[in-house]
Amino acid sequence: MNQERLLLTGDDAVALAALHAGVALGTGYPGTPSTEILETFDRLGGRAQWAPNEKVALEVGIGSAFAGARTLVTMKHVGLNVAADALFTATYTDVDGGLLIVSADDPGMASSQNEQDNRHFARAAGAPMLEPVDSQQAYEYTWLALELGERWKIPVILRLTTRICHAKTVVRPRPLEQRHAPRDDSSRPDDAQIKRHFRRDIPARVMIPAFAKPAHHRLREKLAAISDWNDAEGPVTEHPAAPNSDPSGKPDVGSDDAPRLGIIATGVAAMHAREAAPGVRQLNIGLTYPLPLTRIRAFAAEVERLLVIEEGDPVLVDDLRAAGIAAEGKPERFRFGELDVARARRIIAGDDTTEPAPAKGKPPELCQGCSHRGVFEALRDLDCIVAGDIGCYTLGVLPPFSAMDTCVCMGASIGVGLGLRHALPDAEARRVVSVIGDSTFVHSGLTGLAEMVYNPPETGHLVLILDNETTAMTGQQEHPGTGRSLNHAPSAKMHFEAVARAMGVQNVEVVDAADKDLSLKERISALLARDETSLLVARQPCVLAAPKIRLYEKAAAEARTQASTACAAVTDE
């Protein structure tokens, strides 16, 4: 019997399961609350890498799975928007290796620009979706997703939410004899490995219309088969009522003479509901798309009131109603923000009164010594119209700078800025500046730069790259512009100024944002006066990342010296 017990976050549990399940490659883009999955996977010894963006990560993952390798692709919820182009066709294809896509949703927008519910993506793309309630299920469902994906040759989404990602619960990993070796580990017996191999199957993988039409039919057949499996043996758990244990102090809940209440819940909401009303029968569904409707109907038939408690949009309750199952959902107010035990109690009691206002916290701010401060001071003083982007520099919107006017999604600063330039009267157009970070520029800024060169406004345009040499907001991860890979080892480096010149930007300048003799205000003002396309790179390491960057560079220099010495020794011999 396996006695190992670990206290893990959901992110760490997914990473551990990926290692134990023999995942050959983990790829993704950092984004809270998903970032730690690949970092932990790398630390545990798995092969992990950051991609320029989520679309590229998923495309790499699809190729890896086509080769028969178990593959993990991670992103936060808005990242799946970027990857959607690949996702919606990947489900039509036959992927031999298990392809697990982790979507980490952020109800309440702790660190996001929206709180979209990515359960909609599963239904729209035709991708099976699993939703764990704690770290143990996050571990088990990682295995299950890979196994289901290999059985039906289909990508599977594991939907986490902020509390599952970052809260710690006990995990009991599978025993050693049940674990797989990584697929490039030839030291393990054949039965402990899953072989990599490319299987040519053009009709199943080349999605031209002639092949995609029958592929869509195959996808619906797969989903129907998975639904049948979910009904027969899927991860569905029923928790019986515990009489006289209602914590609300209402003795009638769960008693014999009360209306028989049954709760259906998914994800972390299931844990909140269980604590809010232990005296109520509860059905927890793990594979939430496609649903086990037969099992749900059987449960619904045994209760008088069927209540769905779910975080986010009314996705599950709408599915049940569409299937002809009478179900009660939560009041509209509980669609917004995270659920907790108190809110679950309100839903169960039908209490739609105004909730207490949350305590006000200290607003975030740019770090003291941050290189972005001088840039936003200059933009503020010049009264620029600033098209902003996603990153810690988004905090430039707050006092004392108040120097950002738009922020939509990653990379949007350039396109939005160009649109403003095209539409505004000349005097206002010349005040427009697009501000983007280094990681964000790699993620989604290149196509915006191409648009600027191809369709330049009459007044020209200025793009400002705030290069702090890291992905600061999500925890100082690397990207192609840092010259270091996920584990901070040296890698090839993208040079933004060279790329811009090659693309045809007319004026390209690089400045040291720490230079005391530099007047950013004068440089920005001069570029705004030109009827030309301009890129200004303001470069200074993140004040928090700088000490680490110096260590990484020192280690790289020492490695180069050792390699050079070894090469010289061989030459002498």
Protein backbone atom coordinates (compact mmCIF):
# COMPACT_ATOMS: atom_id res chain seq x y z
CA MET A 1 0.00 0.00 0.00
CA ASN A 2 1.33 3.43 -0.91
CA GLN A 3 1.98 5.39 2.30
CA GLU A 4 3.54 8.48 0.70
CA ARG A 5 1.66 11.66 1.62
CA LEU A 6 2.57 15.07 0.22
CA LEU A 7 1.12 18.51 0.85
CA LEU A 8 0.87 20.07 -2.61
CA THR A 9 -0.82 22.87 -4.47
CA GLY A 10 -2.95 21.89 -7.42
CA ASP A 11 -0.28 23.24 -9.79
CA ASP A 12 2.41 21.14 -8.14
CA ALA A 13 0.14 18.08 -8.14
CA VAL A 14 -0.35 18.38 -11.90
CA ALA A 15 3.41 18.69 -12.40
CA LEU A 16 4.10 15.63 -10.24
CA ALA A 17 1.46 13.58 -12.02
CA ALA A 18 2.86 14.62 -15.40
CA LEU A 19 6.28 13.36 -14.30
CA HIS A 20 4.87 10.09 -12.94
CA ALA A 21 2.71 9.56 -16.04
CA GLY A 22 5.73 9.80 -18.34
CA VAL A 23 5.00 13.15 -19.98
CA ALA A 24 7.80 13.72 -22.47
CA LEU A 25 7.35 17.45 -22.96
CA GLY A 26 5.72 20.29 -21.08
CA THR A 27 5.27 23.60 -22.87
CA GLY A 28 3.24 26.73 -22.27
CA TYR A 29 3.28 30.45 -21.56
CA PRO A 30 3.48 31.82 -18.00
CA GLY A 31 0.28 33.28 -16.62
CA THR A 32 -1.17 33.37 -13.10
CA PRO A 33 -2.48 31.01 -11.76
CA SER A 34 -0.91 28.36 -14.07
CA THR A 35 2.75 29.41 -14.07
CA GLU A 36 4.06 27.09 -11.37
CA ILE A 37 3.07 23.90 -13.22
CA LEU A 38 5.91 23.97 -15.73
CA GLU A 39 8.38 25.45 -13.24
CA THR A 40 7.71 22.55 -10.86
CA PHE A 41 7.78 20.02 -13.71
CA ASP A 42 11.22 21.30 -14.68
CA ARG A 43 12.44 21.27 -11.06
CA LEU A 44 11.30 17.66 -10.66
CA GLY A 45 13.30 16.62 -13.72
CA GLY A 46 10.75 16.86 -16.52
CA ARG A 47 11.46 18.51 -19.86
CA ALA A 48 9.75 21.91 -19.80
CA GLN A 49 9.99 24.99 -21.95
CA TRP A 50 8.36 28.39 -22.33
CA ALA A 51 6.87 29.13 -25.73
CA PRO A 52 6.56 32.65 -27.20
CA ASN A 53 2.77 32.38 -26.74
CA GLU A 54 0.01 29.87 -26.08
CA LYS A 55 -0.81 29.21 -29.72
CA VAL A 56 2.76 28.17 -30.42
CA ALA A 57 2.83 26.09 -27.23
CA LEU A 58 -0.28 24.16 -28.29
CA GLU A 59 1.03 23.68 -31.83
CA VAL A 60 4.27 22.26 -30.42
CA GLY A 61 2.18 20.07 -28.13
CA ILE A 62 0.10 18.78 -31.04
CA GLY A 63 3.26 17.84 -32.93
CA SER A 64 4.65 16.08 -29.87
CA ALA A 65 1.39 14.14 -29.44
CA PHE A 66 1.38 13.25 -33.15
CA ALA A 67 4.73 11.59 -32.43
CA GLY A 68 3.06 9.43 -29.78
CA ALA A 69 4.47 11.32 -26.79
CA ARG A 70 2.47 12.25 -23.73
CA THR A 71 2.43 16.03 -23.71
CA LEU A 72 1.42 18.80 -21.30
CA VAL A 73 0.44 22.31 -22.46
CA THR A 74 -0.27 24.93 -19.78
CA MET A 75 -1.81 28.42 -19.83
CA LYS A 76 -4.15 30.70 -17.93
CA HIS A 77 -7.72 31.10 -19.12
CA VAL A 78 -7.13 34.04 -21.48
CA GLY A 79 -4.23 32.12 -22.99
CA LEU A 80 -6.71 29.62 -24.40
CA ASN A 81 -8.13 32.48 -26.48
CA VAL A 82 -4.73 32.74 -28.16
CA ALA A 83 -4.50 28.97 -28.60
CA ALA A 84 -8.10 28.56 -29.80
CA ASP A 85 -7.20 28.55 -33.50
CA ALA A 86 -5.17 25.39 -33.00
CA LEU A 87 -7.53 23.87 -30.42
CA PHE A 88 -10.67 23.94 -32.55
CA THR A 89 -9.02 21.90 -35.28
CA ALA A 90 -6.83 19.72 -33.05
CA THR A 91 -9.96 18.01 -31.72
CA TYR A 92 -10.74 16.88 -35.29
CA THR A 93 -7.36 15.17 -35.60
CA ASP A 94 -6.17 11.89 -34.16
CA VAL A 95 -3.41 12.53 -31.62
CA ASP A 96 -1.70 9.29 -30.65
CA GLY A 97 -0.02 10.53 -27.50
CA GLY A 98 -2.07 11.92 -24.63
CA LEU A 99 -2.37 15.68 -25.11
CA LEU A 100 -3.33 17.46 -21.89
CA ILE A 101 -4.22 21.15 -22.06
CA VAL A 102 -4.35 22.87 -18.68
CA SER A 103 -6.59 25.95 -18.58
CA ALA A 104 -6.26 27.81 -15.26
CA ASP A 105 -9.30 30.06 -14.84
CA ASP A 106 -9.26 33.12 -12.59
CA PRO A 107 -12.72 33.76 -11.07
CA GLY A 108 -12.67 37.12 -9.36
CA MET A 109 -9.85 38.36 -11.62
CA ALA A 110 -7.10 38.22 -9.02
CA SER A 111 -4.58 38.76 -11.82
CA SER A 112 -6.48 38.96 -15.10
CA GLN A 113 -8.34 41.33 -17.38
CA ASN A 114 -11.51 39.22 -17.41
CA GLU A 115 -13.06 36.23 -15.64
CA GLN A 116 -14.16 34.18 -18.62
CA ASP A 117 -15.35 30.66 -17.93
CA ASN A 118 -13.41 28.26 -20.13
CA ARG A 119 -15.96 25.49 -19.78
CA HIS A 120 -17.48 27.15 -22.83
CA PHE A 121 -14.33 26.28 -24.79
CA ALA A 122 -14.74 22.56 -24.11
CA ARG A 123 -18.25 22.56 -25.55
CA ALA A 124 -17.40 24.80 -28.49
CA ALA A 125 -14.24 22.95 -29.49
CA GLY A 126 -15.48 19.45 -28.65
CA ALA A 127 -12.74 18.76 -26.11
CA PRO A 128 -13.41 16.56 -23.06
CA MET A 129 -12.94 18.50 -19.82
CA LEU A 130 -12.02 17.39 -16.32
CA GLU A 131 -12.43 19.58 -13.20
CA PRO A 132 -10.72 18.54 -9.94
CA VAL A 133 -11.97 19.56 -6.50
CA ASP A 134 -8.57 19.45 -4.77
CA SER A 135 -4.89 18.62 -5.30
CA GLN A 136 -5.46 14.87 -5.05
CA GLN A 137 -7.92 14.99 -7.91
CA ALA A 138 -5.62 17.34 -9.82
CA TYR A 139 -3.00 14.59 -9.60
CA GLU A 140 -5.39 11.78 -10.55
CA TYR A 141 -7.15 13.72 -13.29
CA THR A 142 -3.82 14.51 -14.95
CA TRP A 143 -3.32 10.77 -15.34
CA LEU A 144 -6.93 10.24 -16.39
CA ALA A 145 -6.79 13.01 -19.01
CA LEU A 146 -3.74 11.43 -20.63
CA GLU A 147 -5.34 7.99 -20.58
CA LEU A 148 -8.63 9.22 -22.04
CA GLY A 149 -6.76 11.21 -24.66
CA GLU A 150 -4.80 8.15 -25.78
CA ARG A 151 -7.86 5.92 -25.78
CA TRP A 152 -9.90 8.24 -28.01
CA LYS A 153 -6.99 10.08 -29.69
CA ILE A 154 -8.30 13.49 -28.62
CA PRO A 155 -6.92 16.48 -26.69
CA VAL A 156 -8.33 16.77 -23.15
CA ILE A 157 -8.67 19.98 -21.11
CA LEU A 158 -7.99 20.04 -17.38
CA ARG A 159 -9.75 23.10 -15.99
CA LEU A 160 -8.26 24.44 -12.79
CA THR A 161 -9.29 27.59 -10.95
CA THR A 162 -7.28 29.93 -8.75
CA ARG A 163 -8.05 28.13 -5.45
CA ILE A 164 -7.28 24.70 -6.88
CA CYS A 165 -4.02 26.00 -8.38
CA HIS A 166 -2.70 27.65 -5.24
CA ALA A 167 -4.34 25.93 -2.25
CA LYS A 168 -2.53 22.97 -0.70
CA THR A 169 -4.15 19.65 0.15
CA VAL A 170 -2.78 16.18 0.82
CA VAL A 171 -1.79 14.09 -2.21
CA ARG A 172 -1.08 10.38 -2.20
CA PRO A 173 0.84 9.66 -5.42
CA ARG A 174 0.55 6.38 -7.26
CA PRO A 175 3.09 3.76 -6.19
CA LEU A 176 6.36 3.51 -8.09
CA GLU A 177 5.40 0.34 -9.95
CA GLN A 178 2.46 2.14 -11.59
CA ARG A 179 4.47 5.06 -12.88
CA HIS A 180 5.84 5.46 -16.38
CA ALA A 181 9.34 6.46 -17.30
CA PRO A 182 9.84 9.52 -19.49
CA ARG A 183 9.69 8.37 -23.06
CA ASP A 184 13.34 9.06 -23.78
CA ASP A 185 14.45 6.95 -20.80
CA SER A 186 15.76 3.71 -22.31
CA SER A 187 16.94 2.43 -18.94
CA ARG A 188 13.46 1.34 -17.93
CA PRO A 189 11.81 -1.89 -19.15
CA ASP A 190 9.71 -1.63 -22.30
CA ASP A 191 6.48 -2.14 -20.39
CA ALA A 192 7.24 0.98 -18.31
CA GLN A 193 7.55 3.17 -21.38
CA ILE A 194 5.17 4.43 -24.01
CA LYS A 195 6.97 4.38 -27.33
CA ARG A 196 7.27 7.44 -29.54
CA HIS A 197 6.57 6.90 -33.20
CA PHE A 198 5.09 8.88 -36.08
CA ARG A 199 2.10 7.17 -37.63
CA ARG A 200 1.24 8.59 -41.04
CA ASP A 201 -2.52 9.13 -41.29
CA ILE A 202 -3.21 11.94 -43.75
CA PRO A 203 -7.05 11.88 -43.60
CA ALA A 204 -6.92 12.17 -39.80
CA ARG A 205 -4.31 14.91 -39.61
CA VAL A 206 -4.45 17.08 -42.71
CA MET A 207 -7.55 19.17 -42.19
CA ILE A 208 -8.46 20.25 -45.70
CA PRO A 209 -12.26 20.31 -46.21
CA ALA A 210 -12.39 16.87 -47.81
CA PHE A 211 -10.82 15.32 -44.70
CA ALA A 212 -12.23 17.73 -42.09
CA LYS A 213 -15.88 16.93 -42.92
CA PRO A 214 -15.65 13.23 -41.97
CA ALA A 215 -13.29 14.18 -39.12
CA HIS A 216 -16.06 16.29 -37.58
CA HIS A 217 -18.37 13.27 -37.65
CA ARG A 218 -15.65 11.18 -35.99
CA LEU A 219 -15.27 13.84 -33.28
CA ARG A 220 -18.98 13.68 -32.43
CA GLU A 221 -18.80 9.89 -32.33
CA LYS A 222 -15.84 10.08 -29.95
CA LEU A 223 -17.69 12.48 -27.67
CA ALA A 224 -20.75 10.22 -27.64
CA ALA A 225 -18.54 7.26 -26.70
CA ILE A 226 -16.83 9.29 -23.96
CA SER A 227 -20.25 10.31 -22.62
CA ASP A 228 -21.26 6.62 -22.44
CA TRP A 229 -18.00 5.84 -20.65
CA ASN A 230 -18.62 8.71 -18.23
CA ASP A 231 -22.04 7.27 -17.42
CA ALA A 232 -20.68 3.77 -16.96
CA GLU A 233 -17.41 4.35 -15.11
CA GLY A 234 -16.49 8.03 -15.16
CA PRO A 235 -15.24 10.07 -12.19
CA VAL A 236 -18.56 10.73 -10.49
CA THR A 237 -18.75 10.72 -6.69
CA GLU A 238 -21.92 10.78 -4.60
CA HIS A 239 -21.73 11.99 -1.01
CA PRO A 240 -24.70 10.82 1.06
CA ALA A 241 -26.54 13.10 3.46
CA ALA A 242 -25.21 13.32 6.99
CA PRO A 243 -28.31 13.88 9.17
CA ASN A 244 -28.28 16.59 11.87
CA SER A 245 -24.97 18.04 10.70
CA ASP A 246 -26.12 21.21 8.99
CA PRO A 247 -23.72 24.00 10.06
CA SER A 248 -26.25 26.75 9.41
CA GLY A 249 -28.19 25.84 12.52
CA LYS A 250 -31.29 24.84 10.55
CA PRO A 251 -32.17 21.39 11.87
CA ASP A 252 -34.65 20.76 9.07
CA VAL A 253 -31.93 20.47 6.40
CA GLY A 254 -31.21 16.83 5.92
CA SER A 255 -34.01 15.71 8.25
CA ASP A 256 -36.65 13.23 7.17
CA ASP A 257 -39.50 15.72 7.06
CA ALA A 258 -37.63 18.36 4.98
CA PRO A 259 -37.82 18.63 1.21
CA ARG A 260 -35.21 16.31 -0.20
CA LEU A 261 -32.42 18.51 -1.53
CA GLY A 262 -29.71 17.27 -3.83
CA ILE A 263 -26.70 19.32 -4.88
CA ILE A 264 -24.68 18.87 -8.05
CA ALA A 265 -21.35 20.65 -7.87
CA THR A 266 -18.05 20.75 -9.73
CA GLY A 267 -14.51 21.93 -9.03
CA VAL A 268 -13.73 23.85 -5.86
CA ALA A 269 -17.43 24.76 -5.56
CA ALA A 270 -18.06 21.14 -4.58
CA MET A 271 -15.80 21.55 -1.54
CA HIS A 272 -17.53 24.76 -0.52
CA ALA A 273 -20.96 23.13 -0.87
CA ARG A 274 -19.89 20.09 1.13
CA GLU A 275 -18.72 22.27 3.99
CA ALA A 276 -21.75 24.57 3.77
CA ALA A 277 -24.28 21.73 3.91
CA PRO A 278 -22.84 18.35 4.93
CA GLY A 279 -26.37 17.18 5.68
CA VAL A 280 -27.31 17.33 2.00
CA ARG A 281 -26.78 14.69 -0.67
CA GLN A 282 -24.25 15.81 -3.22
CA LEU A 283 -23.16 14.56 -6.64
CA ASN A 284 -19.70 15.65 -7.76
CA ILE A 285 -18.88 15.33 -11.44
CA GLY A 286 -15.24 15.09 -12.50
CA LEU A 287 -15.58 14.81 -16.30
CA THR A 288 -17.87 17.77 -16.86
CA TYR A 289 -17.91 17.54 -20.65
CA PRO A 290 -19.40 15.41 -22.04
CA LEU A 291 -21.71 14.95 -19.06
CA PRO A 292 -22.89 11.62 -17.58
CA LEU A 293 -26.55 12.53 -18.11
CA THR A 294 -27.93 9.09 -17.22
CA ARG A 295 -26.28 9.20 -13.79
CA ILE A 296 -27.42 12.78 -13.28
CA ARG A 297 -31.02 11.89 -14.21
CA ALA A 298 -30.96 9.02 -11.73
CA PHE A 299 -29.74 11.34 -8.99
CA ALA A 300 -32.30 14.02 -9.91
CA ALA A 301 -35.12 11.46 -9.72
CA GLU A 302 -34.28 10.74 -6.08
CA VAL A 303 -34.48 14.34 -4.86
CA GLU A 304 -37.25 16.92 -4.83
CA ARG A 305 -35.05 19.96 -5.30
CA LEU A 306 -31.97 19.74 -7.53
CA LEU A 307 -29.53 22.61 -6.98
CA VAL A 308 -26.41 23.26 -9.07
CA ILE A 309 -23.54 25.06 -7.35
CA GLU A 310 -20.86 26.10 -9.80
CA GLU A 311 -18.31 28.88 -9.95
CA GLY A 312 -18.59 31.30 -12.86
CA ASP A 313 -21.18 31.13 -15.61
CA PRO A 314 -24.33 28.94 -15.35
CA VAL A 315 -22.80 26.40 -17.72
CA LEU A 316 -23.75 23.19 -15.92
CA VAL A 317 -27.27 24.25 -14.99
CA ASP A 318 -27.92 25.33 -18.59
CA ASP A 319 -26.65 21.96 -19.84
CA LEU A 320 -28.98 20.12 -17.48
CA ARG A 321 -31.98 22.21 -18.43
CA ALA A 322 -31.19 21.70 -22.12
CA ALA A 323 -31.23 17.96 -21.46
CA GLY A 324 -34.68 18.23 -19.84
CA ILE A 325 -33.46 17.92 -16.25
CA ALA A 326 -35.16 20.41 -13.95
CA ALA A 327 -32.38 22.13 -12.03
CA GLU A 328 -32.07 25.27 -9.95
CA GLY A 329 -29.08 27.55 -10.39
CA LYS A 330 -27.54 30.30 -8.31
CA PRO A 331 -28.76 33.91 -8.31
CA GLU A 332 -27.08 36.16 -10.88
CA ARG A 333 -25.00 38.00 -8.26
CA PHE A 334 -23.00 34.82 -7.56
CA ARG A 335 -21.89 34.62 -11.19
CA PHE A 336 -19.26 37.23 -10.38
CA GLY A 337 -16.12 36.55 -8.35
CA GLU A 338 -15.09 33.42 -6.51
CA LEU A 339 -17.42 31.28 -4.46
CA ASP A 340 -16.66 30.43 -0.85
CA VAL A 341 -18.45 28.58 1.94
CA ALA A 342 -20.45 31.64 2.99
CA ARG A 343 -21.65 32.25 -0.56
CA ALA A 344 -22.49 28.54 -0.96
CA ARG A 345 -24.66 28.77 2.18
CA ARG A 346 -26.46 31.76 0.70
CA ILE A 347 -27.13 29.89 -2.54
CA ILE A 348 -28.51 26.87 -0.70
CA ALA A 349 -30.72 29.05 1.48
CA GLY A 350 -31.92 31.12 -1.47
CA ASP A 351 -30.53 34.24 0.20
CA ASP A 352 -30.10 36.93 -2.44
CA THR A 353 -29.64 39.84 -0.06
CA THR A 354 -26.75 42.23 -0.44
CA GLU A 355 -23.42 40.75 0.64
CA PRO A 356 -21.05 42.62 2.94
CA ALA A 357 -18.59 44.76 1.01
CA PRO A 358 -15.09 43.23 0.96
CA ALA A 359 -12.40 45.04 2.88
CA LYS A 360 -10.41 47.45 0.77
CA GLY A 361 -6.83 46.44 0.22
CA LYS A 362 -3.81 48.50 -0.69
CA PRO A 363 -3.76 49.19 -4.43
CA PRO A 364 -0.80 47.69 -6.31
CA GLU A 365 1.97 49.94 -7.55
CA LEU A 366 5.14 49.86 -9.58
CA CYS A 367 8.13 48.89 -7.45
CA GLN A 368 10.40 51.62 -6.11
CA GLY A 369 13.33 51.76 -8.51
CA CYS A 370 11.31 50.24 -11.38
CA SER A 371 12.58 51.38 -14.77
CA HIS A 372 9.01 51.88 -15.96
CA ARG A 373 8.48 54.80 -13.59
CA GLY A 374 10.55 57.24 -15.65
CA VAL A 375 8.76 56.21 -18.85
CA PHE A 376 5.30 56.83 -17.41
CA GLU A 377 6.38 60.12 -15.87
CA ALA A 378 7.46 61.26 -19.34
CA LEU A 379 4.24 60.04 -20.98
CA ARG A 380 2.19 61.79 -18.30
CA ASP A 381 4.08 65.05 -18.63
CA LEU A 382 3.74 64.98 -22.42
CA ASP A 383 -0.02 64.32 -22.09
CA CYS A 384 0.27 61.33 -24.41
CA ILE A 385 -2.66 59.11 -25.36
CA VAL A 386 -1.26 55.76 -24.25
CA ALA A 387 -2.43 52.47 -25.73
CA GLY A 388 -1.30 50.02 -23.05
CA ASP A 389 -0.76 46.31 -22.73
CA ILE A 390 -0.67 43.39 -20.28
CA GLY A 391 2.13 43.26 -17.73
CA CYS A 392 3.31 44.91 -14.53
CA TYR A 393 3.66 48.16 -16.49
CA THR A 394 -0.15 48.19 -16.73
CA LEU A 395 0.13 49.74 -13.26
CA GLY A 396 1.11 52.92 -15.06
CA VAL A 397 -2.64 53.54 -15.24
CA LEU A 398 -2.70 54.29 -11.51
CA PRO A 399 -1.63 57.46 -9.68
CA PRO A 400 0.80 59.12 -9.56
CA PHE A 401 1.21 58.44 -13.29
CA SER A 402 -2.33 57.93 -14.66
CA ALA A 403 -0.60 57.44 -18.00
CA MET A 404 -2.49 54.64 -19.72
CA ASP A 405 -5.72 55.02 -21.66
CA THR A 406 -6.46 51.54 -23.08
CA CYS A 407 -5.65 47.94 -22.19
CA VAL A 408 -7.47 45.06 -23.88
CA CYS A 409 -5.31 41.96 -24.34
CA MET A 410 -1.71 40.94 -24.94
CA GLY A 411 -0.27 42.71 -27.95
CA ALA A 412 -3.31 44.96 -28.43
CA SER A 413 -1.37 48.12 -27.62
CA ILE A 414 0.12 48.35 -31.10
CA GLY A 415 -3.06 47.64 -33.05
CA VAL A 416 -5.20 49.86 -30.82
CA GLY A 417 -2.64 52.64 -31.06
CA LEU A 418 -2.62 52.39 -34.85
CA GLY A 419 -6.41 52.51 -34.94
CA LEU A 420 -6.38 55.66 -32.82
CA ARG A 421 -3.77 57.22 -35.09
CA HIS A 422 -5.84 56.45 -38.21
CA ALA A 423 -9.05 57.88 -36.78
CA LEU A 424 -8.09 60.88 -34.64
CA PRO A 425 -7.57 64.43 -35.89
CA ASP A 426 -3.92 65.22 -36.62
CA ALA A 427 -3.18 67.04 -33.37
CA GLU A 428 -4.52 64.24 -31.21
CA ALA A 429 -3.10 61.47 -33.38
CA ARG A 430 0.42 62.80 -32.79
CA ARG A 431 -0.01 62.22 -29.05
CA VAL A 432 -0.70 58.48 -29.41
CA VAL A 433 1.96 56.06 -28.15
CA SER A 434 1.79 52.26 -27.91
CA VAL A 435 3.47 50.82 -24.80
CA ILE A 436 4.33 47.12 -24.62
CA GLY A 437 6.62 44.94 -22.50
CA ASP A 438 9.40 42.70 -23.76
CA SER A 439 7.68 39.37 -23.06
CA THR A 440 4.38 40.70 -24.40
CA PHE A 441 6.11 41.97 -27.55
CA VAL A 442 7.40 38.45 -28.24
CA HIS A 443 3.99 36.99 -27.37
CA SER A 444 1.79 39.13 -29.62
CA GLY A 445 3.58 42.31 -30.69
CA LEU A 446 5.33 41.17 -33.84
CA THR A 447 2.20 41.09 -35.99
CA GLY A 448 1.26 44.55 -34.71
CA LEU A 449 4.66 45.82 -35.80
CA ALA A 450 4.09 44.28 -39.23
CA GLU A 451 0.75 46.12 -39.40
CA MET A 452 2.46 49.40 -38.51
CA VAL A 453 4.98 48.99 -41.32
CA TYR A 454 2.41 47.77 -43.85
CA ASN A 455 -0.37 50.28 -43.08
CA PRO A 456 1.37 53.28 -41.48
CA PRO A 457 -0.82 56.19 -40.32
CA GLU A 458 -0.19 59.53 -42.03
CA THR A 459 1.26 60.88 -38.79
CA GLY A 460 3.51 57.86 -38.32
CA HIS A 461 3.45 56.01 -35.00
CA LEU A 462 5.62 55.34 -31.95
CA VAL A 463 5.90 51.97 -30.21
CA LEU A 464 7.66 51.85 -26.85
CA ILE A 465 9.06 48.50 -25.70
CA LEU A 466 9.67 48.55 -21.95
CA ASP A 467 12.36 45.87 -21.79
CA ASN A 468 13.06 44.77 -18.22
CA GLU A 469 14.63 41.49 -19.42
CA THR A 470 12.09 39.20 -17.78
CA THR A 471 8.40 38.28 -17.57
CA ALA A 472 8.04 40.24 -14.37
CA MET A 473 4.34 40.14 -13.50
CA THR A 474 4.07 36.34 -13.36
CA GLY A 475 7.24 35.76 -11.35
CA GLN A 476 10.29 36.64 -13.48
CA GLN A 477 10.13 33.90 -16.09
CA GLU A 478 12.32 33.83 -19.17
CA HIS A 479 11.26 34.45 -22.79
CA PRO A 480 13.01 34.50 -26.21
CA GLY A 481 14.20 38.07 -25.61
CA THR A 482 16.19 37.24 -22.46
CA GLY A 483 18.61 34.75 -23.99
CA ARG A 484 17.78 32.17 -21.33
CA SER A 485 15.49 29.12 -21.33
CA LEU A 486 12.92 28.09 -18.71
CA ASN A 487 15.59 26.77 -16.34
CA HIS A 488 17.65 29.98 -16.88
CA ALA A 489 20.33 28.22 -18.93
CA PRO A 490 21.75 30.21 -21.89
CA SER A 491 19.76 30.12 -25.11
CA ALA A 492 19.56 32.05 -28.39
CA LYS A 493 18.32 35.61 -27.94
CA MET A 494 15.90 37.67 -29.98
CA HIS A 495 17.12 41.25 -30.51
CA PHE A 496 14.08 43.50 -30.78
CA GLU A 497 15.91 46.35 -32.51
CA ALA A 498 17.30 44.03 -35.20
CA VAL A 499 13.88 42.50 -35.77
CA ALA A 500 12.29 45.95 -36.08
CA ARG A 501 14.87 47.13 -38.60
CA ALA A 502 14.47 43.94 -40.62
CA MET A 503 10.71 44.46 -40.67
CA GLY A 504 11.08 47.98 -42.04
CA VAL A 505 10.51 50.29 -39.06
CA GLN A 506 11.98 53.65 -40.11
CA ASN A 507 13.39 54.82 -36.76
CA VAL A 508 14.72 52.32 -34.24
CA GLU A 509 16.41 53.47 -31.06
CA VAL A 510 17.59 51.75 -27.88
CA VAL A 511 18.11 53.67 -24.66
CA ASP A 512 19.28 52.74 -21.20
CA ALA A 513 16.37 53.67 -18.96
CA ALA A 514 18.82 54.01 -16.02
CA ASP A 515 20.91 56.64 -17.80
CA LYS A 516 20.73 59.78 -15.64
CA ASP A 517 21.81 61.97 -18.56
CA LEU A 518 18.97 60.72 -20.75
CA SER A 519 15.80 62.75 -21.14
CA LEU A 520 13.10 60.26 -22.06
CA LYS A 521 10.71 63.15 -22.39
CA GLU A 522 12.88 64.71 -25.11
CA ARG A 523 13.41 61.41 -26.98
CA ILE A 524 9.70 60.57 -26.99
CA SER A 525 8.77 64.11 -28.00
CA ALA A 526 11.22 64.06 -30.91
CA LEU A 527 9.92 60.75 -32.25
CA LEU A 528 6.30 61.87 -31.92
CA ALA A 529 7.09 64.87 -34.13
CA ARG A 530 8.09 62.63 -37.05
CA ASP A 531 5.65 61.42 -39.72
CA GLU A 532 7.42 58.07 -39.62
CA THR A 533 7.20 54.71 -37.90
CA SER A 534 9.36 54.50 -34.81
CA LEU A 535 10.35 51.94 -32.19
CA LEU A 536 12.00 52.99 -28.94
CA VAL A 537 13.37 50.26 -26.68
CA ALA A 538 13.80 51.46 -23.09
CA ARG A 539 16.02 48.81 -21.51
CA GLN A 540 16.78 48.26 -17.85
CA PRO A 541 16.55 44.99 -15.87
CA CYS A 542 13.62 44.55 -13.48
CA VAL A 543 14.73 45.75 -10.06
CA LEU A 544 13.58 42.45 -8.52
CA ALA A 545 15.08 40.21 -11.22
CA ALA A 546 18.40 42.05 -11.62
CA PRO A 547 20.31 40.13 -8.89
CA LYS A 548 19.17 36.80 -10.35
CA ILE A 549 20.03 37.90 -13.89
CA ARG A 550 23.58 38.73 -12.75
CA LEU A 551 23.89 35.24 -11.27
CA TYR A 552 22.59 33.60 -14.46
CA GLU A 553 25.02 35.64 -16.58
CA LYS A 554 27.92 34.82 -14.26
CA ALA A 555 27.12 31.09 -14.46
CA ALA A 556 26.89 31.29 -18.25
CA ALA A 557 30.24 33.10 -18.46
CA GLU A 558 31.89 30.48 -16.25
CA ALA A 559 30.43 27.71 -18.39
CA ARG A 560 31.81 29.35 -21.54
CA THR A 561 35.23 29.68 -19.92
CA GLN A 562 35.24 26.02 -18.88
CA ALA A 563 34.17 24.95 -22.36
CA SER A 564 36.86 27.12 -23.95
CA THR A 565 39.52 25.71 -21.60
CA ALA A 566 38.43 22.16 -22.35
CA CYS A 567 38.49 22.85 -26.09
CA ALA A 568 41.98 24.36 -25.82
CA ALA A 569 43.21 21.32 -23.89
CA VAL A 570 41.91 18.97 -26.57
CA THR A 571 43.56 21.09 -29.28
CA ASP A 572 46.91 20.99 -27.45
CA GLU A 573 46.74 17.23 -27.25
